[in-house]
Amino acid sequence: MIRLTAATLALIAATGLDAEPVRLRVGDGAADGRRLSPYTNVWRFYSETDTGQIDELGLWHDRVQILSDAGGEIIRREQRTEPTSGRPALFVLNEMRRNTMAPVRAHFARGAPDAAFLDVRFDGATLTGRMPLAPTGGEPMPVTITLTTPEPVFDWTQWGLLLATFPLEEGYAGRFTGFNNVPTQAPLLDVTFEVTGVQAVPVPGRGDVECFVVEAHAGAPWTFWIARDRGAGPPIVKIRIDDSPTSRRWWVPVEP
């Protein structure tokens, strides 16, 4: 077992925001999953380069349910890919407390829902489980971790769904510590984001959806188009992640 403490982890600094970000913490009232409603969504998933080369990666399905247990309401998010030929399917499960977005579980599997390569449980400021790590940049190896932090952290593997629960408005900027699933990076990440504008995005079956454009820095530059009315359908309308200065991946809406 590898036992990690917050003091031994290097948090990746994020820069590039114009506004002074608000430091956000689990339970401070900013993140509120009651802004969200259950939904089912599907994106076209592809990569492109500056030379115009496009690689179709398949479809990306996303579903959110609202469940309950003894601790109250839980948001359960299930994602799965429907990949192009030759690629294994990815299955992602996230659970979090609805009123605070405090994470409960993060589960990633490849090829089949029970073929997990990452399964982490959160209990306050402690997270335990198994995940792949490659701190020296080599081949990722599965390790068992126990990580205790000074205070509870968010789960960045929720990606745009977490951002959609903050009180977004033009100019709003935030910063938080989040759990990270990228093997070559630290298990904790310093995430910063800012709402840089508003844009209408055409969505099949929904018409033009007015979205906040949210730029995030979390190991790589991300851009999320998050519906202004987050309770009127899937809140995450479109996503872009810049993998390098010349290539990027896109999640764009298609007919469900």
C-alpha atoms as a PDB file:
ATOM      1  CA  MET A   1       0.000   0.000   0.000  1.00  0.00           C
ATOM      2  CA  ILE A   2       1.141   3.519  -0.765  1.00  0.00           C
ATOM      3  CA  ARG A   3       0.012   5.946   1.914  1.00  0.00           C
ATOM      4  CA  LEU A   4      -0.106   9.541   0.805  1.00  0.00           C
ATOM      5  CA  THR A   5      -0.602  12.703   2.819  1.00  0.00           C
ATOM      6  CA  ALA A   6      -1.497  16.094   1.470  1.00  0.00           C
ATOM      7  CA  ALA A   7       1.910  17.423   2.513  1.00  0.00           C
ATOM      8  CA  THR A   8       3.688  14.996   0.160  1.00  0.00           C
ATOM      9  CA  LEU A   9       1.654  15.842  -2.935  1.00  0.00           C
ATOM     10  CA  ALA A  10       2.615  18.573  -5.355  1.00  0.00           C
ATOM     11  CA  LEU A  11      -0.449  20.484  -6.446  1.00  0.00           C
ATOM     12  CA  ILE A  12      -0.251  21.733 -10.000  1.00  0.00           C
ATOM     13  CA  ALA A  13      -0.528  25.506 -10.159  1.00  0.00           C
ATOM     14  CA  ALA A  14      -2.955  26.952 -12.677  1.00  0.00           C
ATOM     15  CA  THR A  15      -2.596  30.370 -14.268  1.00  0.00           C
ATOM     16  CA  GLY A  16      -4.161  32.476 -16.976  1.00  0.00           C
ATOM     17  CA  LEU A  17      -7.366  33.766 -15.400  1.00  0.00           C
ATOM     18  CA  ASP A  18      -8.216  37.444 -15.625  1.00  0.00           C
ATOM     19  CA  ALA A  19     -10.485  37.655 -12.577  1.00  0.00           C
ATOM     20  CA  GLU A  20      -9.366  36.961  -9.024  1.00  0.00           C
ATOM     21  CA  PRO A  21     -10.743  33.469  -8.326  1.00  0.00           C
ATOM     22  CA  VAL A  22     -12.787  32.752  -5.212  1.00  0.00           C
ATOM     23  CA  ARG A  23     -11.351  29.913  -3.099  1.00  0.00           C
ATOM     24  CA  LEU A  24     -14.095  27.269  -3.065  1.00  0.00           C
ATOM     25  CA  ARG A  25     -14.438  24.507  -0.484  1.00  0.00           C
ATOM     26  CA  VAL A  26     -16.717  21.537   0.040  1.00  0.00           C
ATOM     27  CA  GLY A  27     -19.648  22.614   2.194  1.00  0.00           C
ATOM     28  CA  ASP A  28     -19.187  26.372   1.810  1.00  0.00           C
ATOM     29  CA  GLY A  29     -22.535  26.692   0.011  1.00  0.00           C
ATOM     30  CA  ALA A  30     -21.169  27.593  -3.432  1.00  0.00           C
ATOM     31  CA  ALA A  31     -21.472  24.133  -5.024  1.00  0.00           C
ATOM     32  CA  ASP A  32     -25.109  23.045  -4.974  1.00  0.00           C
ATOM     33  CA  GLY A  33     -26.309  20.062  -7.000  1.00  0.00           C
ATOM     34  CA  ARG A  34     -29.891  21.183  -6.529  1.00  0.00           C
ATOM     35  CA  ARG A  35     -29.192  23.415  -9.523  1.00  0.00           C
ATOM     36  CA  LEU A  36     -29.267  20.213 -11.609  1.00  0.00           C
ATOM     37  CA  SER A  37     -32.084  17.904 -12.699  1.00  0.00           C
ATOM     38  CA  PRO A  38     -31.900  14.286 -13.920  1.00  0.00           C
ATOM     39  CA  TYR A  39     -31.029  14.000 -17.612  1.00  0.00           C
ATOM     40  CA  THR A  40     -29.799  11.754 -20.403  1.00  0.00           C
ATOM     41  CA  ASN A  41     -27.354  13.093 -22.978  1.00  0.00           C
ATOM     42  CA  VAL A  42     -25.092  11.989 -25.832  1.00  0.00           C
ATOM     43  CA  TRP A  43     -22.161  13.702 -27.552  1.00  0.00           C
ATOM     44  CA  ARG A  44     -20.164  13.112 -30.699  1.00  0.00           C
ATOM     45  CA  PHE A  45     -16.608  12.556 -29.451  1.00  0.00           C
ATOM     46  CA  TYR A  46     -13.663  13.298 -31.736  1.00  0.00           C
ATOM     47  CA  SER A  47     -10.158  14.745 -31.889  1.00  0.00           C
ATOM     48  CA  GLU A  48      -8.752  17.234 -34.359  1.00  0.00           C
ATOM     49  CA  THR A  49      -5.407  18.796 -35.199  1.00  0.00           C
ATOM     50  CA  ASP A  50      -4.387  22.164 -36.582  1.00  0.00           C
ATOM     51  CA  THR A  51      -3.729  20.457 -39.922  1.00  0.00           C
ATOM     52  CA  GLY A  52      -7.417  19.561 -40.194  1.00  0.00           C
ATOM     53  CA  GLN A  53      -7.077  15.864 -39.385  1.00  0.00           C
ATOM     54  CA  ILE A  54     -10.157  14.527 -37.562  1.00  0.00           C
ATOM     55  CA  ASP A  55     -10.280  11.219 -35.712  1.00  0.00           C
ATOM     56  CA  GLU A  56     -13.800  10.066 -34.897  1.00  0.00           C
ATOM     57  CA  LEU A  57     -13.707   8.482 -31.433  1.00  0.00           C
ATOM     58  CA  GLY A  58     -17.379   7.486 -31.245  1.00  0.00           C
ATOM     59  CA  LEU A  59     -20.306   8.547 -29.071  1.00  0.00           C
ATOM     60  CA  TRP A  60     -20.163   9.539 -25.407  1.00  0.00           C
ATOM     61  CA  HIS A  61     -23.272   8.821 -23.334  1.00  0.00           C
ATOM     62  CA  ASP A  62     -24.004  10.665 -20.084  1.00  0.00           C
ATOM     63  CA  ARG A  63     -26.839  10.080 -17.609  1.00  0.00           C
ATOM     64  CA  VAL A  64     -27.602  11.678 -14.233  1.00  0.00           C
ATOM     65  CA  GLN A  65     -30.023  10.303 -11.638  1.00  0.00           C
ATOM     66  CA  ILE A  66     -31.028  11.648  -8.230  1.00  0.00           C
ATOM     67  CA  LEU A  67     -31.034   8.915  -5.566  1.00  0.00           C
ATOM     68  CA  SER A  68     -31.344   8.885  -1.782  1.00  0.00           C
ATOM     69  CA  ASP A  69     -29.678   7.130   1.122  1.00  0.00           C
ATOM     70  CA  ALA A  70     -29.506   7.674   4.878  1.00  0.00           C
ATOM     71  CA  GLY A  71     -27.335  10.750   4.326  1.00  0.00           C
ATOM     72  CA  GLY A  72     -29.743  12.470   1.948  1.00  0.00           C
ATOM     73  CA  GLU A  73     -29.858  12.930  -1.819  1.00  0.00           C
ATOM     74  CA  ILE A  74     -27.066  11.605  -4.026  1.00  0.00           C
ATOM     75  CA  ILE A  75     -26.286  12.538  -7.616  1.00  0.00           C
ATOM     76  CA  ARG A  76     -25.321   9.426  -9.554  1.00  0.00           C
ATOM     77  CA  ARG A  77     -23.647  10.098 -12.880  1.00  0.00           C
ATOM     78  CA  GLU A  78     -22.984   7.280 -15.345  1.00  0.00           C
ATOM     79  CA  GLN A  79     -20.973   7.814 -18.510  1.00  0.00           C
ATOM     80  CA  ARG A  80     -19.996   5.324 -21.180  1.00  0.00           C
ATOM     81  CA  THR A  81     -18.427   5.524 -24.591  1.00  0.00           C
ATOM     82  CA  GLU A  82     -19.664   3.864 -27.734  1.00  0.00           C
ATOM     83  CA  PRO A  83     -16.283   3.804 -29.452  1.00  0.00           C
ATOM     84  CA  THR A  84     -15.334   3.400 -33.055  1.00  0.00           C
ATOM     85  CA  SER A  85     -14.071  -0.031 -34.084  1.00  0.00           C
ATOM     86  CA  GLY A  86     -11.021  -1.326 -32.244  1.00  0.00           C
ATOM     87  CA  ARG A  87     -11.250   0.901 -29.210  1.00  0.00           C
ATOM     88  CA  PRO A  88     -12.358  -0.405 -25.786  1.00  0.00           C
ATOM     89  CA  ALA A  89     -15.392   1.205 -24.188  1.00  0.00           C
ATOM     90  CA  LEU A  90     -14.891   3.441 -21.161  1.00  0.00           C
ATOM     91  CA  PHE A  91     -17.305   3.356 -18.218  1.00  0.00           C
ATOM     92  CA  VAL A  92     -17.327   6.118 -15.585  1.00  0.00           C
ATOM     93  CA  LEU A  93     -19.415   6.277 -12.410  1.00  0.00           C
ATOM     94  CA  ASN A  94     -19.461   9.248 -10.031  1.00  0.00           C
ATOM     95  CA  GLU A  95     -21.550   9.678  -6.905  1.00  0.00           C
ATOM     96  CA  MET A  96     -21.726  12.867  -4.825  1.00  0.00           C
ATOM     97  CA  ARG A  97     -23.881  14.474  -2.153  1.00  0.00           C
ATOM     98  CA  ARG A  98     -26.379  16.645  -3.972  1.00  0.00           C
ATOM     99  CA  ASN A  99     -26.470  19.598  -1.592  1.00  0.00           C
ATOM    100  CA  THR A 100     -22.680  20.079  -1.365  1.00  0.00           C
ATOM    101  CA  MET A 101     -21.202  18.034  -4.269  1.00  0.00           C
ATOM    102  CA  ALA A 102     -19.019  16.291  -1.680  1.00  0.00           C
ATOM    103  CA  PRO A 103     -17.744  13.219  -3.538  1.00  0.00           C
ATOM    104  CA  VAL A 104     -18.751   9.726  -2.476  1.00  0.00           C
ATOM    105  CA  ARG A 105     -17.253   7.496  -5.164  1.00  0.00           C
ATOM    106  CA  ALA A 106     -15.295   7.630  -8.432  1.00  0.00           C
ATOM    107  CA  HIS A 107     -15.156   4.463 -10.562  1.00  0.00           C
ATOM    108  CA  PHE A 108     -13.517   4.037 -13.986  1.00  0.00           C
ATOM    109  CA  ALA A 109     -13.599   0.801 -16.011  1.00  0.00           C
ATOM    110  CA  ARG A 110     -12.435  -0.174 -19.478  1.00  0.00           C
ATOM    111  CA  GLY A 111     -13.983  -2.834 -21.698  1.00  0.00           C
ATOM    112  CA  ALA A 112     -16.744  -3.767 -19.227  1.00  0.00           C
ATOM    113  CA  PRO A 113     -18.434  -1.935 -16.320  1.00  0.00           C
ATOM    114  CA  ASP A 114     -16.845  -4.266 -13.751  1.00  0.00           C
ATOM    115  CA  ALA A 115     -13.324  -4.099 -15.245  1.00  0.00           C
ATOM    116  CA  ALA A 116     -12.288  -1.239 -12.986  1.00  0.00           C
ATOM    117  CA  PHE A 117      -8.863   0.362 -13.207  1.00  0.00           C
ATOM    118  CA  LEU A 118      -9.798   3.096 -10.705  1.00  0.00           C
ATOM    119  CA  ASP A 119     -12.191   2.816  -7.771  1.00  0.00           C
ATOM    120  CA  VAL A 120     -11.948   5.417  -5.024  1.00  0.00           C
ATOM    121  CA  ARG A 121     -14.264   6.099  -2.068  1.00  0.00           C
ATOM    122  CA  PHE A 122     -14.458   9.412  -0.231  1.00  0.00           C
ATOM    123  CA  ASP A 123     -15.225   9.842   3.469  1.00  0.00           C
ATOM    124  CA  GLY A 124     -14.852  13.437   4.569  1.00  0.00           C
ATOM    125  CA  ALA A 125     -11.193  14.399   4.225  1.00  0.00           C
ATOM    126  CA  THR A 126     -10.040  10.821   3.546  1.00  0.00           C
ATOM    127  CA  LEU A 127     -10.125   8.935   0.278  1.00  0.00           C
ATOM    128  CA  THR A 128      -9.165   5.298  -0.189  1.00  0.00           C
ATOM    129  CA  GLY A 129      -9.078   2.901  -3.087  1.00  0.00           C
ATOM    130  CA  ARG A 130      -7.094   1.812  -6.105  1.00  0.00           C
ATOM    131  CA  MET A 131      -5.916   3.902  -9.013  1.00  0.00           C
ATOM    132  CA  PRO A 132      -3.130   3.860 -11.624  1.00  0.00           C
ATOM    133  CA  LEU A 133      -0.141   6.091 -10.901  1.00  0.00           C
ATOM    134  CA  ALA A 134       2.966   6.864 -12.918  1.00  0.00           C
ATOM    135  CA  PRO A 135       4.666   9.673 -10.985  1.00  0.00           C
ATOM    136  CA  THR A 136       7.920   9.368 -12.951  1.00  0.00           C
ATOM    137  CA  GLY A 137       6.191   9.364 -16.325  1.00  0.00           C
ATOM    138  CA  GLY A 138       6.605   5.623 -16.889  1.00  0.00           C
ATOM    139  CA  GLU A 139       3.955   2.966 -17.382  1.00  0.00           C
ATOM    140  CA  PRO A 140       0.992   3.502 -14.999  1.00  0.00           C
ATOM    141  CA  MET A 141       0.827   0.907 -12.236  1.00  0.00           C
ATOM    142  CA  PRO A 142      -2.243   0.152 -10.093  1.00  0.00           C
ATOM    143  CA  VAL A 143      -1.651   1.101  -6.469  1.00  0.00           C
ATOM    144  CA  THR A 144      -3.753   1.148  -3.308  1.00  0.00           C
ATOM    145  CA  ILE A 145      -3.889   4.596  -1.774  1.00  0.00           C
ATOM    146  CA  THR A 146      -5.056   6.215   1.426  1.00  0.00           C
ATOM    147  CA  LEU A 147      -4.996   9.987   1.234  1.00  0.00           C
ATOM    148  CA  THR A 148      -5.910  12.315   4.081  1.00  0.00           C
ATOM    149  CA  THR A 149      -6.215  16.011   3.315  1.00  0.00           C
ATOM    150  CA  PRO A 150      -6.553  18.983   5.687  1.00  0.00           C
ATOM    151  CA  GLU A 151     -10.171  19.354   4.551  1.00  0.00           C
ATOM    152  CA  PRO A 152     -12.525  17.554   2.138  1.00  0.00           C
ATOM    153  CA  VAL A 153     -11.773  18.064  -1.551  1.00  0.00           C
ATOM    154  CA  PHE A 154     -13.939  18.078  -4.650  1.00  0.00           C
ATOM    155  CA  ASP A 155     -13.731  15.351  -7.290  1.00  0.00           C
ATOM    156  CA  TRP A 156     -12.412  16.794 -10.562  1.00  0.00           C
ATOM    157  CA  THR A 157     -13.371  13.572 -12.381  1.00  0.00           C
ATOM    158  CA  GLN A 158     -16.901  15.032 -12.330  1.00  0.00           C
ATOM    159  CA  TRP A 159     -15.492  17.641 -14.751  1.00  0.00           C
ATOM    160  CA  GLY A 160     -18.098  20.048 -16.119  1.00  0.00           C
ATOM    161  CA  LEU A 161     -20.909  18.666 -13.986  1.00  0.00           C
ATOM    162  CA  LEU A 162     -19.141  19.987 -10.892  1.00  0.00           C
ATOM    163  CA  LEU A 163     -18.609  23.392 -12.506  1.00  0.00           C
ATOM    164  CA  ALA A 164     -22.307  23.528 -13.411  1.00  0.00           C
ATOM    165  CA  THR A 165     -23.237  23.486  -9.715  1.00  0.00           C
ATOM    166  CA  PHE A 166     -21.448  26.746  -8.892  1.00  0.00           C
ATOM    167  CA  PRO A 167     -23.281  30.133  -9.069  1.00  0.00           C
ATOM    168  CA  LEU A 168     -22.054  30.918 -12.576  1.00  0.00           C
ATOM    169  CA  GLU A 169     -22.368  34.391 -14.052  1.00  0.00           C
ATOM    170  CA  GLU A 170     -20.213  36.428 -16.408  1.00  0.00           C
ATOM    171  CA  GLY A 171     -16.868  37.161 -14.753  1.00  0.00           C
ATOM    172  CA  TYR A 172     -17.295  34.568 -11.991  1.00  0.00           C
ATOM    173  CA  ALA A 173     -13.992  32.833 -11.232  1.00  0.00           C
ATOM    174  CA  GLY A 174     -13.211  30.073  -8.770  1.00  0.00           C
ATOM    175  CA  ARG A 175     -10.414  27.900  -7.496  1.00  0.00           C
ATOM    176  CA  PHE A 176     -10.550  24.591  -5.654  1.00  0.00           C
ATOM    177  CA  THR A 177      -8.588  21.457  -4.863  1.00  0.00           C
ATOM    178  CA  GLY A 178      -9.868  18.406  -6.705  1.00  0.00           C
ATOM    179  CA  PHE A 179      -9.144  14.697  -6.922  1.00  0.00           C
ATOM    180  CA  ASN A 180      -7.404  13.881 -10.213  1.00  0.00           C
ATOM    181  CA  ASN A 181      -7.390  10.606 -12.183  1.00  0.00           C
ATOM    182  CA  VAL A 182      -4.513  11.308 -14.604  1.00  0.00           C
ATOM    183  CA  PRO A 183      -1.756   8.756 -13.768  1.00  0.00           C
ATOM    184  CA  THR A 184       1.161  11.034 -14.702  1.00  0.00           C
ATOM    185  CA  GLN A 185      -0.070  13.880 -12.501  1.00  0.00           C
ATOM    186  CA  ALA A 186      -0.506  14.281  -8.758  1.00  0.00           C
ATOM    187  CA  PRO A 187      -3.693  12.753  -7.259  1.00  0.00           C
ATOM    188  CA  LEU A 188      -4.691  16.257  -6.135  1.00  0.00           C
ATOM    189  CA  LEU A 189      -5.016  19.135  -8.556  1.00  0.00           C
ATOM    190  CA  ASP A 190      -5.408  22.879  -8.149  1.00  0.00           C
ATOM    191  CA  VAL A 191      -8.294  23.715 -10.493  1.00  0.00           C
ATOM    192  CA  THR A 192      -9.087  27.272 -11.569  1.00  0.00           C
ATOM    193  CA  PHE A 193     -11.926  28.402 -13.805  1.00  0.00           C
ATOM    194  CA  GLU A 194     -13.604  31.555 -15.073  1.00  0.00           C
ATOM    195  CA  VAL A 195     -16.807  32.383 -16.933  1.00  0.00           C
ATOM    196  CA  THR A 196     -15.426  34.301 -19.917  1.00  0.00           C
ATOM    197  CA  GLY A 197     -18.644  34.977 -21.812  1.00  0.00           C
ATOM    198  CA  VAL A 198     -22.041  33.813 -23.009  1.00  0.00           C
ATOM    199  CA  GLN A 199     -22.670  32.061 -26.315  1.00  0.00           C
ATOM    200  CA  ALA A 200     -25.676  30.422 -28.000  1.00  0.00           C
ATOM    201  CA  VAL A 201     -24.952  26.828 -29.059  1.00  0.00           C
ATOM    202  CA  PRO A 202     -27.257  24.998 -31.512  1.00  0.00           C
ATOM    203  CA  VAL A 203     -28.381  21.687 -29.993  1.00  0.00           C
ATOM    204  CA  PRO A 204     -30.415  19.072 -31.893  1.00  0.00           C
ATOM    205  CA  GLY A 205     -33.879  18.862 -30.383  1.00  0.00           C
ATOM    206  CA  ARG A 206     -33.340  21.910 -28.134  1.00  0.00           C
ATOM    207  CA  GLY A 207     -32.643  24.756 -30.544  1.00  0.00           C
ATOM    208  CA  ASP A 208     -30.125  27.440 -29.603  1.00  0.00           C
ATOM    209  CA  VAL A 209     -29.104  26.997 -25.966  1.00  0.00           C
ATOM    210  CA  GLU A 210     -27.621  30.043 -24.233  1.00  0.00           C
ATOM    211  CA  CYS A 211     -24.450  28.913 -22.486  1.00  0.00           C
ATOM    212  CA  PHE A 212     -21.830  30.257 -20.149  1.00  0.00           C
ATOM    213  CA  VAL A 213     -18.381  29.769 -21.674  1.00  0.00           C
ATOM    214  CA  VAL A 214     -16.246  28.443 -18.818  1.00  0.00           C
ATOM    215  CA  GLU A 215     -12.473  28.198 -19.244  1.00  0.00           C
ATOM    216  CA  ALA A 216     -10.773  25.880 -16.766  1.00  0.00           C
ATOM    217  CA  HIS A 217      -7.143  25.078 -16.071  1.00  0.00           C
ATOM    218  CA  ALA A 218      -6.723  21.602 -14.600  1.00  0.00           C
ATOM    219  CA  GLY A 219      -3.603  19.865 -15.856  1.00  0.00           C
ATOM    220  CA  ALA A 220      -4.640  20.991 -19.352  1.00  0.00           C
ATOM    221  CA  PRO A 221      -6.796  23.824 -20.716  1.00  0.00           C
ATOM    222  CA  TRP A 222     -10.500  22.941 -20.817  1.00  0.00           C
ATOM    223  CA  THR A 223     -13.463  24.890 -22.189  1.00  0.00           C
ATOM    224  CA  PHE A 224     -17.031  24.051 -21.181  1.00  0.00           C
ATOM    225  CA  TRP A 225     -20.236  25.442 -22.633  1.00  0.00           C
ATOM    226  CA  ILE A 226     -22.654  25.180 -19.681  1.00  0.00           C
ATOM    227  CA  ALA A 227     -26.332  26.002 -20.139  1.00  0.00           C
ATOM    228  CA  ARG A 228     -27.448  29.146 -18.357  1.00  0.00           C
ATOM    229  CA  ASP A 229     -30.653  27.302 -17.390  1.00  0.00           C
ATOM    230  CA  ARG A 230     -29.046  24.201 -15.897  1.00  0.00           C
ATOM    231  CA  GLY A 231     -32.308  22.602 -14.810  1.00  0.00           C
ATOM    232  CA  ALA A 232     -33.890  22.566 -18.290  1.00  0.00           C
ATOM    233  CA  GLY A 233     -31.959  19.666 -19.818  1.00  0.00           C
ATOM    234  CA  PRO A 234     -28.369  18.421 -19.923  1.00  0.00           C
ATOM    235  CA  PRO A 235     -26.330  21.313 -18.475  1.00  0.00           C
ATOM    236  CA  ILE A 236     -23.010  20.513 -20.170  1.00  0.00           C
ATOM    237  CA  VAL A 237     -23.667  21.369 -23.801  1.00  0.00           C
ATOM    238  CA  LYS A 238     -20.191  21.188 -25.347  1.00  0.00           C
ATOM    239  CA  ILE A 239     -16.624  20.473 -24.173  1.00  0.00           C
ATOM    240  CA  ARG A 240     -13.140  21.065 -25.547  1.00  0.00           C
ATOM    241  CA  ILE A 241      -9.847  19.949 -24.027  1.00  0.00           C
ATOM    242  CA  ASP A 242      -6.528  21.056 -25.506  1.00  0.00           C
ATOM    243  CA  ASP A 243      -4.222  18.040 -25.345  1.00  0.00           C
ATOM    244  CA  SER A 244      -1.354  19.960 -26.961  1.00  0.00           C
ATOM    245  CA  PRO A 245      -0.832  23.307 -28.702  1.00  0.00           C
ATOM    246  CA  THR A 246      -1.822  21.642 -32.001  1.00  0.00           C
ATOM    247  CA  SER A 247      -4.473  19.060 -31.039  1.00  0.00           C
ATOM    248  CA  ARG A 248      -7.701  18.956 -29.073  1.00  0.00           C
ATOM    249  CA  ARG A 249     -10.659  16.737 -28.259  1.00  0.00           C
ATOM    250  CA  TRP A 250     -14.298  17.749 -28.616  1.00  0.00           C
ATOM    251  CA  TRP A 251     -17.621  16.614 -27.156  1.00  0.00           C
ATOM    252  CA  VAL A 252     -20.390  18.159 -29.285  1.00  0.00           C
ATOM    253  CA  PRO A 253     -24.159  17.627 -28.981  1.00  0.00           C
ATOM    254  CA  VAL A 254     -26.010  15.221 -31.260  1.00  0.00           C
ATOM    255  CA  GLU A 255     -29.599  14.006 -31.438  1.00  0.00           C
ATOM    256  CA  PRO A 256     -30.243  11.780 -28.382  1.00  0.00           C
END
